[in-house]
Amino acid sequence: MGWVVDVLLIFSLDEVCDDECEAFEEVVPLNAVNAWLAEYRFTSLVNLDQYVNTGKAMTACVYGGAYNFLKIDEFIEVVREQPWREPNAVQLLIKHGPDDERFTMYTLSD
């Protein structure tokens, strides 16, 4: 039996819409990350911010997933290599397995 790796990817709304809040057709960095996951037969990261129901929209994009046997170092590199519009706003949180009590945060500048 493998261990489950929890992943949260958080990034700016600037990745999904312009200054007038016109949505872009695609979020290229997220698509590339999901393509890498698909290459290894993992499911795509799921949009989690759409499930927040507090009367206000979130001011960030939050995606997540749980994976067995994720190649963590490779995954971190894939996220870092993407052409993010706001790279300083990208945060990747990973809980490496059942023995981890909390997530480790990675940024693009680490």
PDB file of N, CA and C in Angstrom:
ATOM      1  N   MET A   1       0.844  -1.180   0.000  1.00  0.00           N
ATOM      2  CA  MET A   1       0.000   0.000   0.000  1.00  0.00           C
ATOM      3  C   MET A   1       0.886   1.239   0.000  1.00  0.00           C
ATOM      4  N   GLY A   2       0.511   2.249  -0.772  1.00  0.00           N
ATOM      5  CA  GLY A   2       1.293   3.469  -0.872  1.00  0.00           C
ATOM      6  C   GLY A   2       0.810   4.521   0.098  1.00  0.00           C
ATOM      7  N   TRP A   3       1.549   5.583   0.149  1.00  0.00           N
ATOM      8  CA  TRP A   3       1.149   6.694   0.986  1.00  0.00           C
ATOM      9  C   TRP A   3       0.469   7.738   0.114  1.00  0.00           C
ATOM     10  N   VAL A   4      -0.399   8.515   0.708  1.00  0.00           N
ATOM     11  CA  VAL A   4      -1.120   9.552  -0.024  1.00  0.00           C
ATOM     12  C   VAL A   4      -0.408  10.877   0.188  1.00  0.00           C
ATOM     13  N   VAL A   5      -0.167  11.567  -0.903  1.00  0.00           N
ATOM     14  CA  VAL A   5       0.431  12.898  -0.886  1.00  0.00           C
ATOM     15  C   VAL A   5      -0.687  13.892  -1.181  1.00  0.00           C
ATOM     16  N   ASP A   6      -0.922  14.821  -0.245  1.00  0.00           N
ATOM     17  CA  ASP A   6      -1.921  15.867  -0.445  1.00  0.00           C
ATOM     18  C   ASP A   6      -1.251  17.074  -1.084  1.00  0.00           C
ATOM     19  N   VAL A   7      -1.904  17.653  -2.095  1.00  0.00           N
ATOM     20  CA  VAL A   7      -1.347  18.775  -2.836  1.00  0.00           C
ATOM     21  C   VAL A   7      -2.365  19.909  -2.891  1.00  0.00           C
ATOM     22  N   LEU A   8      -1.911  21.117  -2.574  1.00  0.00           N
ATOM     23  CA  LEU A   8      -2.696  22.329  -2.780  1.00  0.00           C
ATOM     24  C   LEU A   8      -1.852  23.292  -3.613  1.00  0.00           C
ATOM     25  N   LEU A   9      -2.415  23.784  -4.694  1.00  0.00           N
ATOM     26  CA  LEU A   9      -1.749  24.766  -5.554  1.00  0.00           C
ATOM     27  C   LEU A   9      -2.597  26.031  -5.519  1.00  0.00           C
ATOM     28  N   ILE A  10      -1.981  27.112  -5.064  1.00  0.00           N
ATOM     29  CA  ILE A  10      -2.687  28.384  -4.906  1.00  0.00           C
ATOM     30  C   ILE A  10      -2.003  29.424  -5.783  1.00  0.00           C
ATOM     31  N   PHE A  11      -2.815  30.172  -6.534  1.00  0.00           N
ATOM     32  CA  PHE A  11      -2.231  31.211  -7.382  1.00  0.00           C
ATOM     33  C   PHE A  11      -3.207  32.367  -7.555  1.00  0.00           C
ATOM     34  N   SER A  12      -2.710  33.438  -8.122  1.00  0.00           N
ATOM     35  CA  SER A  12      -3.440  34.696  -8.257  1.00  0.00           C
ATOM     36  C   SER A  12      -4.578  34.598  -9.276  1.00  0.00           C
ATOM     37  N   LEU A  13      -5.612  35.394  -9.034  1.00  0.00           N
ATOM     38  CA  LEU A  13      -6.687  35.519 -10.022  1.00  0.00           C
ATOM     39  C   LEU A  13      -6.169  36.084 -11.342  1.00  0.00           C
ATOM     40  N   ASP A  14      -5.009  36.768 -11.303  1.00  0.00           N
ATOM     41  CA  ASP A  14      -4.422  37.305 -12.534  1.00  0.00           C
ATOM     42  C   ASP A  14      -4.061  36.206 -13.519  1.00  0.00           C
ATOM     43  N   GLU A  15      -3.984  34.987 -13.066  1.00  0.00           N
ATOM     44  CA  GLU A  15      -3.721  33.855 -13.961  1.00  0.00           C
ATOM     45  C   GLU A  15      -4.942  33.494 -14.789  1.00  0.00           C
ATOM     46  N   VAL A  16      -6.133  33.866 -14.309  1.00  0.00           N
ATOM     47  CA  VAL A  16      -7.360  33.435 -14.978  1.00  0.00           C
ATOM     48  C   VAL A  16      -8.155  34.567 -15.618  1.00  0.00           C
ATOM     49  N   CYS A  17      -7.837  35.823 -15.267  1.00  0.00           N
ATOM     50  CA  CYS A  17      -8.563  36.923 -15.895  1.00  0.00           C
ATOM     51  C   CYS A  17      -7.695  38.172 -15.950  1.00  0.00           C
ATOM     52  N   ASP A  18      -8.050  39.062 -16.864  1.00  0.00           N
ATOM     53  CA  ASP A  18      -7.286  40.295 -17.035  1.00  0.00           C
ATOM     54  C   ASP A  18      -7.818  41.383 -16.099  1.00  0.00           C
ATOM     55  N   ASP A  19      -7.336  42.609 -16.267  1.00  0.00           N
ATOM     56  CA  ASP A  19      -7.707  43.711 -15.378  1.00  0.00           C
ATOM     57  C   ASP A  19      -9.212  44.002 -15.360  1.00  0.00           C
ATOM     58  N   GLU A  20      -9.891  43.713 -16.459  1.00  0.00           N
ATOM     59  CA  GLU A  20     -11.341  43.952 -16.530  1.00  0.00           C
ATOM     60  C   GLU A  20     -12.139  42.710 -16.138  1.00  0.00           C
ATOM     61  N   CYS A  21     -11.466  41.739 -15.562  1.00  0.00           N
ATOM     62  CA  CYS A  21     -12.082  40.468 -15.157  1.00  0.00           C
ATOM     63  C   CYS A  21     -12.678  39.695 -16.333  1.00  0.00           C
ATOM     64  N   GLU A  22     -12.108  39.899 -17.503  1.00  0.00           N
ATOM     65  CA  GLU A  22     -12.457  39.056 -18.645  1.00  0.00           C
ATOM     66  C   GLU A  22     -11.649  37.770 -18.511  1.00  0.00           C
ATOM     67  N   ALA A  23     -12.328  36.644 -18.456  1.00  0.00           N
ATOM     68  CA  ALA A  23     -11.650  35.366 -18.253  1.00  0.00           C
ATOM     69  C   ALA A  23     -10.836  34.972 -19.478  1.00  0.00           C
ATOM     70  N   PHE A  24      -9.648  34.447 -19.225  1.00  0.00           N
ATOM     71  CA  PHE A  24      -8.839  33.880 -20.294  1.00  0.00           C
ATOM     72  C   PHE A  24      -9.421  32.527 -20.659  1.00  0.00           C
ATOM     73  N   GLU A  25      -9.191  32.113 -21.887  1.00  0.00           N
ATOM     74  CA  GLU A  25      -9.732  30.832 -22.322  1.00  0.00           C
ATOM     75  C   GLU A  25      -9.082  29.663 -21.611  1.00  0.00           C
ATOM     76  N   GLU A  26      -7.803  29.821 -21.245  1.00  0.00           N
ATOM     77  CA  GLU A  26      -7.122  28.735 -20.570  1.00  0.00           C
ATOM     78  C   GLU A  26      -6.048  29.289 -19.638  1.00  0.00           C
ATOM     79  N   VAL A  27      -5.740  28.535 -18.637  1.00  0.00           N
ATOM     80  CA  VAL A  27      -4.658  28.875 -17.729  1.00  0.00           C
ATOM     81  C   VAL A  27      -3.498  27.955 -18.107  1.00  0.00           C
ATOM     82  N   VAL A  28      -2.607  28.465 -18.928  1.00  0.00           N
ATOM     83  CA  VAL A  28      -1.536  27.659 -19.512  1.00  0.00           C
ATOM     84  C   VAL A  28      -0.714  26.927 -18.457  1.00  0.00           C
ATOM     85  N   PRO A  29      -0.253  27.597 -17.381  1.00  0.00           N
ATOM     86  CA  PRO A  29       0.536  26.856 -16.394  1.00  0.00           C
ATOM     87  C   PRO A  29      -0.225  25.700 -15.747  1.00  0.00           C
ATOM     88  N   LEU A  30      -1.474  25.936 -15.391  1.00  0.00           N
ATOM     89  CA  LEU A  30      -2.278  24.880 -14.780  1.00  0.00           C
ATOM     90  C   LEU A  30      -2.496  23.737 -15.765  1.00  0.00           C
ATOM     91  N   ASN A  31      -2.759  24.061 -17.021  1.00  0.00           N
ATOM     92  CA  ASN A  31      -2.943  23.016 -18.029  1.00  0.00           C
ATOM     93  C   ASN A  31      -1.693  22.154 -18.167  1.00  0.00           C
ATOM     94  N   ALA A  32      -0.519  22.779 -18.115  1.00  0.00           N
ATOM     95  CA  ALA A  32       0.737  22.038 -18.235  1.00  0.00           C
ATOM     96  C   ALA A  32       0.956  21.135 -17.018  1.00  0.00           C
ATOM     97  N   VAL A  33       0.637  21.634 -15.836  1.00  0.00           N
ATOM     98  CA  VAL A  33       0.755  20.819 -14.623  1.00  0.00           C
ATOM     99  C   VAL A  33      -0.192  19.625 -14.717  1.00  0.00           C
ATOM    100  N   ASN A  34      -1.421  19.859 -15.130  1.00  0.00           N
ATOM    101  CA  ASN A  34      -2.383  18.764 -15.263  1.00  0.00           C
ATOM    102  C   ASN A  34      -1.981  17.784 -16.362  1.00  0.00           C
ATOM    103  N   ALA A  35      -1.357  18.267 -17.427  1.00  0.00           N
ATOM    104  CA  ALA A  35      -0.871  17.377 -18.484  1.00  0.00           C
ATOM    105  C   ALA A  35       0.230  16.464 -17.940  1.00  0.00           C
ATOM    106  N   TRP A  36       1.106  17.018 -17.102  1.00  0.00           N
ATOM    107  CA  TRP A  36       2.150  16.202 -16.487  1.00  0.00           C
ATOM    108  C   TRP A  36       1.524  15.124 -15.607  1.00  0.00           C
ATOM    109  N   LEU A  37       0.531  15.509 -14.812  1.00  0.00           N
ATOM    110  CA  LEU A  37      -0.160  14.526 -13.973  1.00  0.00           C
ATOM    111  C   LEU A  37      -0.790  13.427 -14.835  1.00  0.00           C
ATOM    112  N   ALA A  38      -1.440  13.817 -15.923  1.00  0.00           N
ATOM    113  CA  ALA A  38      -2.081  12.839 -16.811  1.00  0.00           C
ATOM    114  C   ALA A  38      -1.055  11.892 -17.430  1.00  0.00           C
ATOM    115  N   GLU A  39       0.126  12.427 -17.731  1.00  0.00           N
ATOM    116  CA  GLU A  39       1.195  11.606 -18.304  1.00  0.00           C
ATOM    117  C   GLU A  39       1.552  10.440 -17.375  1.00  0.00           C
ATOM    118  N   TYR A  40       1.444  10.664 -16.072  1.00  0.00           N
ATOM    119  CA  TYR A  40       1.726   9.624 -15.082  1.00  0.00           C
ATOM    120  C   TYR A  40       0.450   8.958 -14.566  1.00  0.00           C
ATOM    121  N   ARG A  41      -0.636   9.139 -15.296  1.00  0.00           N
ATOM    122  CA  ARG A  41      -1.929   8.512 -15.002  1.00  0.00           C
ATOM    123  C   ARG A  41      -2.557   8.975 -13.691  1.00  0.00           C
ATOM    124  N   PHE A  42      -2.281  10.228 -13.334  1.00  0.00           N
ATOM    125  CA  PHE A  42      -2.945  10.843 -12.185  1.00  0.00           C
ATOM    126  C   PHE A  42      -4.088  11.702 -12.702  1.00  0.00           C
ATOM    127  N   THR A  43      -5.080  11.928 -11.870  1.00  0.00           N
ATOM    128  CA  THR A  43      -6.157  12.827 -12.245  1.00  0.00           C
ATOM    129  C   THR A  43      -5.690  14.276 -12.091  1.00  0.00           C
ATOM    130  N   SER A  44      -6.365  15.172 -12.752  1.00  0.00           N
ATOM    131  CA  SER A  44      -6.027  16.597 -12.705  1.00  0.00           C
ATOM    132  C   SER A  44      -6.297  17.171 -11.322  1.00  0.00           C
ATOM    133  N   LEU A  45      -5.608  18.267 -11.024  1.00  0.00           N
ATOM    134  CA  LEU A  45      -5.930  19.030  -9.824  1.00  0.00           C
ATOM    135  C   LEU A  45      -7.352  19.569  -9.970  1.00  0.00           C
ATOM    136  N   VAL A  46      -8.082  19.599  -8.886  1.00  0.00           N
ATOM    137  CA  VAL A  46      -9.486  20.012  -8.882  1.00  0.00           C
ATOM    138  C   VAL A  46      -9.590  21.427  -8.323  1.00  0.00           C
ATOM    139  N   ASN A  47     -10.443  22.238  -8.929  1.00  0.00           N
ATOM    140  CA  ASN A  47     -10.682  23.600  -8.454  1.00  0.00           C
ATOM    141  C   ASN A  47     -11.447  23.531  -7.139  1.00  0.00           C
ATOM    142  N   LEU A  48     -10.809  23.970  -6.054  1.00  0.00           N
ATOM    143  CA  LEU A  48     -11.429  23.909  -4.735  1.00  0.00           C
ATOM    144  C   LEU A  48     -12.105  25.210  -4.334  1.00  0.00           C
ATOM    145  N   ASP A  49     -11.682  26.338  -4.895  1.00  0.00           N
ATOM    146  CA  ASP A  49     -12.261  27.612  -4.472  1.00  0.00           C
ATOM    147  C   ASP A  49     -13.728  27.739  -4.862  1.00  0.00           C
ATOM    148  N   GLN A  50     -14.182  26.941  -5.816  1.00  0.00           N
ATOM    149  CA  GLN A  50     -15.591  27.000  -6.196  1.00  0.00           C
ATOM    150  C   GLN A  50     -16.504  26.400  -5.124  1.00  0.00           C
ATOM    151  N   TYR A  51     -15.926  25.678  -4.173  1.00  0.00           N
ATOM    152  CA  TYR A  51     -16.722  25.050  -3.124  1.00  0.00           C
ATOM    153  C   TYR A  51     -16.867  25.926  -1.879  1.00  0.00           C
ATOM    154  N   VAL A  52     -16.198  27.059  -1.867  1.00  0.00           N
ATOM    155  CA  VAL A  52     -16.307  27.970  -0.733  1.00  0.00           C
ATOM    156  C   VAL A  52     -17.635  28.709  -0.850  1.00  0.00           C
ATOM    157  N   ASN A  53     -18.451  28.615   0.173  1.00  0.00           N
ATOM    158  CA  ASN A  53     -19.774  29.230   0.129  1.00  0.00           C
ATOM    159  C   ASN A  53     -19.952  30.096   1.374  1.00  0.00           C
ATOM    160  N   THR A  54     -19.234  31.214   1.406  1.00  0.00           N
ATOM    161  CA  THR A  54     -19.309  32.110   2.556  1.00  0.00           C
ATOM    162  C   THR A  54     -19.927  33.447   2.185  1.00  0.00           C
ATOM    163  N   GLY A  55     -20.502  33.527   1.001  1.00  0.00           N
ATOM    164  CA  GLY A  55     -21.130  34.762   0.563  1.00  0.00           C
ATOM    165  C   GLY A  55     -20.201  35.666  -0.227  1.00  0.00           C
ATOM    166  N   LYS A  56     -18.936  35.360  -0.247  1.00  0.00           N
ATOM    167  CA  LYS A  56     -17.948  36.145  -0.998  1.00  0.00           C
ATOM    168  C   LYS A  56     -17.086  35.202  -1.822  1.00  0.00           C
ATOM    169  N   ALA A  57     -16.669  35.688  -2.973  1.00  0.00           N
ATOM    170  CA  ALA A  57     -15.770  34.897  -3.808  1.00  0.00           C
ATOM    171  C   ALA A  57     -14.353  34.991  -3.258  1.00  0.00           C
ATOM    172  N   MET A  58     -13.621  33.916  -3.391  1.00  0.00           N
ATOM    173  CA  MET A  58     -12.226  33.931  -2.960  1.00  0.00           C
ATOM    174  C   MET A  58     -11.424  34.841  -3.886  1.00  0.00           C
ATOM    175  N   THR A  59     -10.367  35.404  -3.360  1.00  0.00           N
ATOM    176  CA  THR A  59      -9.513  36.300  -4.145  1.00  0.00           C
ATOM    177  C   THR A  59      -8.246  35.603  -4.598  1.00  0.00           C
ATOM    178  N   ALA A  60      -8.270  34.289  -4.609  1.00  0.00           N
ATOM    179  CA  ALA A  60      -7.178  33.472  -5.120  1.00  0.00           C
ATOM    180  C   ALA A  60      -7.776  32.212  -5.726  1.00  0.00           C
ATOM    181  N   CYS A  61      -7.007  31.554  -6.554  1.00  0.00           N
ATOM    182  CA  CYS A  61      -7.416  30.275  -7.127  1.00  0.00           C
ATOM    183  C   CYS A  61      -6.777  29.170  -6.298  1.00  0.00           C
ATOM    184  N   VAL A  62      -7.573  28.174  -5.925  1.00  0.00           N
ATOM    185  CA  VAL A  62      -7.088  27.081  -5.100  1.00  0.00           C
ATOM    186  C   VAL A  62      -7.445  25.766  -5.790  1.00  0.00           C
ATOM    187  N   TYR A  63      -6.415  24.984  -6.068  1.00  0.00           N
ATOM    188  CA  TYR A  63      -6.593  23.680  -6.700  1.00  0.00           C
ATOM    189  C   TYR A  63      -5.953  22.631  -5.807  1.00  0.00           C
ATOM    190  N   GLY A  64      -6.488  21.418  -5.833  1.00  0.00           N
ATOM    191  CA  GLY A  64      -5.917  20.397  -4.979  1.00  0.00           C
ATOM    192  C   GLY A  64      -6.161  19.003  -5.481  1.00  0.00           C
ATOM    193  N   GLY A  65      -5.460  18.082  -4.839  1.00  0.00           N
ATOM    194  CA  GLY A  65      -5.606  16.672  -5.154  1.00  0.00           C
ATOM    195  C   GLY A  65      -4.879  15.824  -4.136  1.00  0.00           C
ATOM    196  N   ALA A  66      -5.162  14.530  -4.146  1.00  0.00           N
ATOM    197  CA  ALA A  66      -4.489  13.556  -3.294  1.00  0.00           C
ATOM    198  C   ALA A  66      -4.023  12.420  -4.192  1.00  0.00           C
ATOM    199  N   TYR A  67      -2.750  12.053  -4.071  1.00  0.00           N
ATOM    200  CA  TYR A  67      -2.141  11.115  -5.015  1.00  0.00           C
ATOM    201  C   TYR A  67      -1.288  10.077  -4.298  1.00  0.00           C
ATOM    202  N   ASN A  68      -1.365   8.840  -4.760  1.00  0.00           N
ATOM    203  CA  ASN A  68      -0.455   7.792  -4.310  1.00  0.00           C
ATOM    204  C   ASN A  68       0.798   7.827  -5.181  1.00  0.00           C
ATOM    205  N   PHE A  69       1.946   7.716  -4.553  1.00  0.00           N
ATOM    206  CA  PHE A  69       3.222   7.585  -5.258  1.00  0.00           C
ATOM    207  C   PHE A  69       3.545   8.750  -6.189  1.00  0.00           C
ATOM    208  N   LEU A  70       3.146   9.950  -5.826  1.00  0.00           N
ATOM    209  CA  LEU A  70       3.475  11.133  -6.617  1.00  0.00           C
ATOM    210  C   LEU A  70       4.984  11.369  -6.556  1.00  0.00           C
ATOM    211  N   LYS A  71       5.573  11.635  -7.701  1.00  0.00           N
ATOM    212  CA  LYS A  71       6.998  11.969  -7.774  1.00  0.00           C
ATOM    213  C   LYS A  71       7.120  13.436  -7.364  1.00  0.00           C
ATOM    214  N   ILE A  72       7.273  13.646  -6.079  1.00  0.00           N
ATOM    215  CA  ILE A  72       7.145  14.980  -5.497  1.00  0.00           C
ATOM    216  C   ILE A  72       8.156  15.967  -6.069  1.00  0.00           C
ATOM    217  N   ASP A  73       9.424  15.596  -6.116  1.00  0.00           N
ATOM    218  CA  ASP A  73      10.447  16.517  -6.620  1.00  0.00           C
ATOM    219  C   ASP A  73      10.182  16.909  -8.072  1.00  0.00           C
ATOM    220  N   GLU A  74       9.781  15.948  -8.889  1.00  0.00           N
ATOM    221  CA  GLU A  74       9.462  16.240 -10.288  1.00  0.00           C
ATOM    222  C   GLU A  74       8.236  17.149 -10.380  1.00  0.00           C
ATOM    223  N   PHE A  75       7.240  16.875  -9.552  1.00  0.00           N
ATOM    224  CA  PHE A  75       6.029  17.684  -9.564  1.00  0.00           C
ATOM    225  C   PHE A  75       6.341  19.137  -9.196  1.00  0.00           C
ATOM    226  N   ILE A  76       7.146  19.330  -8.171  1.00  0.00           N
ATOM    227  CA  ILE A  76       7.535  20.681  -7.761  1.00  0.00           C
ATOM    228  C   ILE A  76       8.235  21.392  -8.917  1.00  0.00           C
ATOM    229  N   GLU A  77       9.125  20.709  -9.597  1.00  0.00           N
ATOM    230  CA  GLU A  77       9.839  21.310 -10.733  1.00  0.00           C
ATOM    231  C   GLU A  77       8.885  21.691 -11.856  1.00  0.00           C
ATOM    232  N   VAL A  78       7.914  20.834 -12.134  1.00  0.00           N
ATOM    233  CA  VAL A  78       6.934  21.137 -13.189  1.00  0.00           C
ATOM    234  C   VAL A  78       6.183  22.414 -12.853  1.00  0.00           C
ATOM    235  N   VAL A  79       5.759  22.550 -11.619  1.00  0.00           N
ATOM    236  CA  VAL A  79       5.037  23.763 -11.199  1.00  0.00           C
ATOM    237  C   VAL A  79       5.953  24.983 -11.351  1.00  0.00           C
ATOM    238  N   ARG A  80       7.194  24.856 -10.931  1.00  0.00           N
ATOM    239  CA  ARG A  80       8.136  25.986 -10.984  1.00  0.00           C
ATOM    240  C   ARG A  80       8.499  26.399 -12.408  1.00  0.00           C
ATOM    241  N   GLU A  81       8.502  25.470 -13.329  1.00  0.00           N
ATOM    242  CA  GLU A  81       8.923  25.748 -14.712  1.00  0.00           C
ATOM    243  C   GLU A  81       7.865  26.474 -15.545  1.00  0.00           C
ATOM    244  N   GLN A  82       6.666  26.601 -15.042  1.00  0.00           N
ATOM    245  CA  GLN A  82       5.577  27.161 -15.844  1.00  0.00           C
ATOM    246  C   GLN A  82       5.673  28.679 -15.970  1.00  0.00           C
ATOM    247  N   PRO A  83       5.129  29.224 -17.060  1.00  0.00           N
ATOM    248  CA  PRO A  83       5.161  30.674 -17.296  1.00  0.00           C
ATOM    249  C   PRO A  83       4.020  31.393 -16.563  1.00  0.00           C
ATOM    250  N   TRP A  84       4.079  31.421 -15.248  1.00  0.00           N
ATOM    251  CA  TRP A  84       3.039  32.070 -14.449  1.00  0.00           C
ATOM    252  C   TRP A  84       3.060  33.568 -14.690  1.00  0.00           C
ATOM    253  N   ARG A  85       1.893  34.200 -14.782  1.00  0.00           N
ATOM    254  CA  ARG A  85       1.793  35.658 -14.936  1.00  0.00           C
ATOM    255  C   ARG A  85       2.258  36.366 -13.658  1.00  0.00           C
ATOM    256  N   GLU A  86       1.927  35.792 -12.517  1.00  0.00           N
ATOM    257  CA  GLU A  86       2.279  36.347 -11.200  1.00  0.00           C
ATOM    258  C   GLU A  86       3.041  35.281 -10.403  1.00  0.00           C
ATOM    259  N   PRO A  87       4.290  35.018 -10.754  1.00  0.00           N
ATOM    260  CA  PRO A  87       5.019  33.928 -10.088  1.00  0.00           C
ATOM    261  C   PRO A  87       5.185  34.118  -8.584  1.00  0.00           C
ATOM    262  N   ASN A  88       5.238  35.348  -8.114  1.00  0.00           N
ATOM    263  CA  ASN A  88       5.395  35.578  -6.676  1.00  0.00           C
ATOM    264  C   ASN A  88       4.152  35.194  -5.880  1.00  0.00           C
ATOM    265  N   ALA A  89       3.025  35.034  -6.556  1.00  0.00           N
ATOM    266  CA  ALA A  89       1.778  34.686  -5.882  1.00  0.00           C
ATOM    267  C   ALA A  89       1.507  33.184  -5.860  1.00  0.00           C
ATOM    268  N   VAL A  90       2.373  32.411  -6.513  1.00  0.00           N
ATOM    269  CA  VAL A  90       2.157  30.962  -6.583  1.00  0.00           C
ATOM    270  C   VAL A  90       2.702  30.299  -5.319  1.00  0.00           C
ATOM    271  N   GLN A  91       1.848  29.484  -4.698  1.00  0.00           N
ATOM    272  CA  GLN A  91       2.248  28.700  -3.525  1.00  0.00           C
ATOM    273  C   GLN A  91       1.832  27.257  -3.757  1.00  0.00           C
ATOM    274  N   LEU A  92       2.738  26.373  -3.474  1.00  0.00           N
ATOM    275  CA  LEU A  92       2.471  24.945  -3.580  1.00  0.00           C
ATOM    276  C   LEU A  92       2.624  24.355  -2.186  1.00  0.00           C
ATOM    277  N   LEU A  93       1.560  23.752  -1.675  1.00  0.00           N
ATOM    278  CA  LEU A  93       1.592  23.136  -0.349  1.00  0.00           C
ATOM    279  C   LEU A  93       1.480  21.628  -0.519  1.00  0.00           C
ATOM    280  N   ILE A  94       2.400  20.913   0.100  1.00  0.00           N
ATOM    281  CA  ILE A  94       2.421  19.454  -0.032  1.00  0.00           C
ATOM    282  C   ILE A  94       2.521  18.833   1.356  1.00  0.00           C
ATOM    283  N   LYS A  95       1.624  17.901   1.613  1.00  0.00           N
ATOM    284  CA  LYS A  95       1.693  17.079   2.824  1.00  0.00           C
ATOM    285  C   LYS A  95       2.210  15.731   2.349  1.00  0.00           C
ATOM    286  N   HIS A  96       3.429  15.421   2.702  1.00  0.00           N
ATOM    287  CA  HIS A  96       4.187  14.321   2.101  1.00  0.00           C
ATOM    288  C   HIS A  96       3.712  12.925   2.457  1.00  0.00           C
ATOM    289  N   GLY A  97       2.870  12.779   3.428  1.00  0.00           N
ATOM    290  CA  GLY A  97       2.383  11.449   3.787  1.00  0.00           C
ATOM    291  C   GLY A  97       1.747  11.452   5.159  1.00  0.00           C
ATOM    292  N   PRO A  98       1.364  10.273   5.623  1.00  0.00           N
ATOM    293  CA  PRO A  98       0.620  10.186   6.881  1.00  0.00           C
ATOM    294  C   PRO A  98       1.428  10.612   8.105  1.00  0.00           C
ATOM    295  N   ASP A  99       2.740  10.578   8.016  1.00  0.00           N
ATOM    296  CA  ASP A  99       3.562  10.972   9.162  1.00  0.00           C
ATOM    297  C   ASP A  99       3.757  12.480   9.266  1.00  0.00           C
ATOM    298  N   ASP A 100       3.466  13.204   8.190  1.00  0.00           N
ATOM    299  CA  ASP A 100       3.564  14.664   8.233  1.00  0.00           C
ATOM    300  C   ASP A 100       2.367  15.230   8.983  1.00  0.00           C
ATOM    301  N   GLU A 101       2.648  16.114   9.919  1.00  0.00           N
ATOM    302  CA  GLU A 101       1.558  16.737  10.666  1.00  0.00           C
ATOM    303  C   GLU A 101       1.023  17.969   9.964  1.00  0.00           C
ATOM    304  N   ARG A 102       1.817  18.543   9.055  1.00  0.00           N
ATOM    305  CA  ARG A 102       1.368  19.747   8.349  1.00  0.00           C
ATOM    306  C   ARG A 102       1.979  19.791   6.960  1.00  0.00           C
ATOM    307  N   PHE A 103       1.460  20.713   6.178  1.00  0.00           N
ATOM    308  CA  PHE A 103       1.929  20.901   4.814  1.00  0.00           C
ATOM    309  C   PHE A 103       3.275  21.626   4.813  1.00  0.00           C
ATOM    310  N   THR A 104       4.077  21.364   3.791  1.00  0.00           N
ATOM    311  CA  THR A 104       5.290  22.133   3.511  1.00  0.00           C
ATOM    312  C   THR A 104       4.958  23.051   2.347  1.00  0.00           C
ATOM    313  N   MET A 105       5.308  24.339   2.485  1.00  0.00           N
ATOM    314  CA  MET A 105       5.016  25.295   1.427  1.00  0.00           C
ATOM    315  C   MET A 105       6.252  25.513   0.561  1.00  0.00           C
ATOM    316  N   TYR A 106       6.029  25.493  -0.762  1.00  0.00           N
ATOM    317  CA  TYR A 106       7.053  25.777  -1.749  1.00  0.00           C
ATOM    318  C   TYR A 106       6.607  26.987  -2.547  1.00  0.00           C
ATOM    319  N   THR A 107       7.524  27.873  -2.843  1.00  0.00           N
ATOM    320  CA  THR A 107       7.233  28.983  -3.727  1.00  0.00           C
ATOM    321  C   THR A 107       8.150  28.874  -4.939  1.00  0.00           C
ATOM    322  N   LEU A 108       7.916  29.707  -5.920  1.00  0.00           N
ATOM    323  CA  LEU A 108       8.721  29.616  -7.131  1.00  0.00           C
ATOM    324  C   LEU A 108      10.129  30.151  -6.914  1.00  0.00           C
ATOM    325  N   SER A 109      10.338  30.881  -5.836  1.00  0.00           N
ATOM    326  CA  SER A 109      11.666  31.452  -5.582  1.00  0.00           C
ATOM    327  C   SER A 109      12.502  30.612  -4.611  1.00  0.00           C
ATOM    328  N   ASP A 110      11.948  29.494  -4.110  1.00  0.00           N
ATOM    329  CA  ASP A 110      12.717  28.617  -3.186  1.00  0.00           C
ATOM    330  C   ASP A 110      13.898  27.996  -3.899  1.00  0.00           C
TER     331      ASP A 110
END
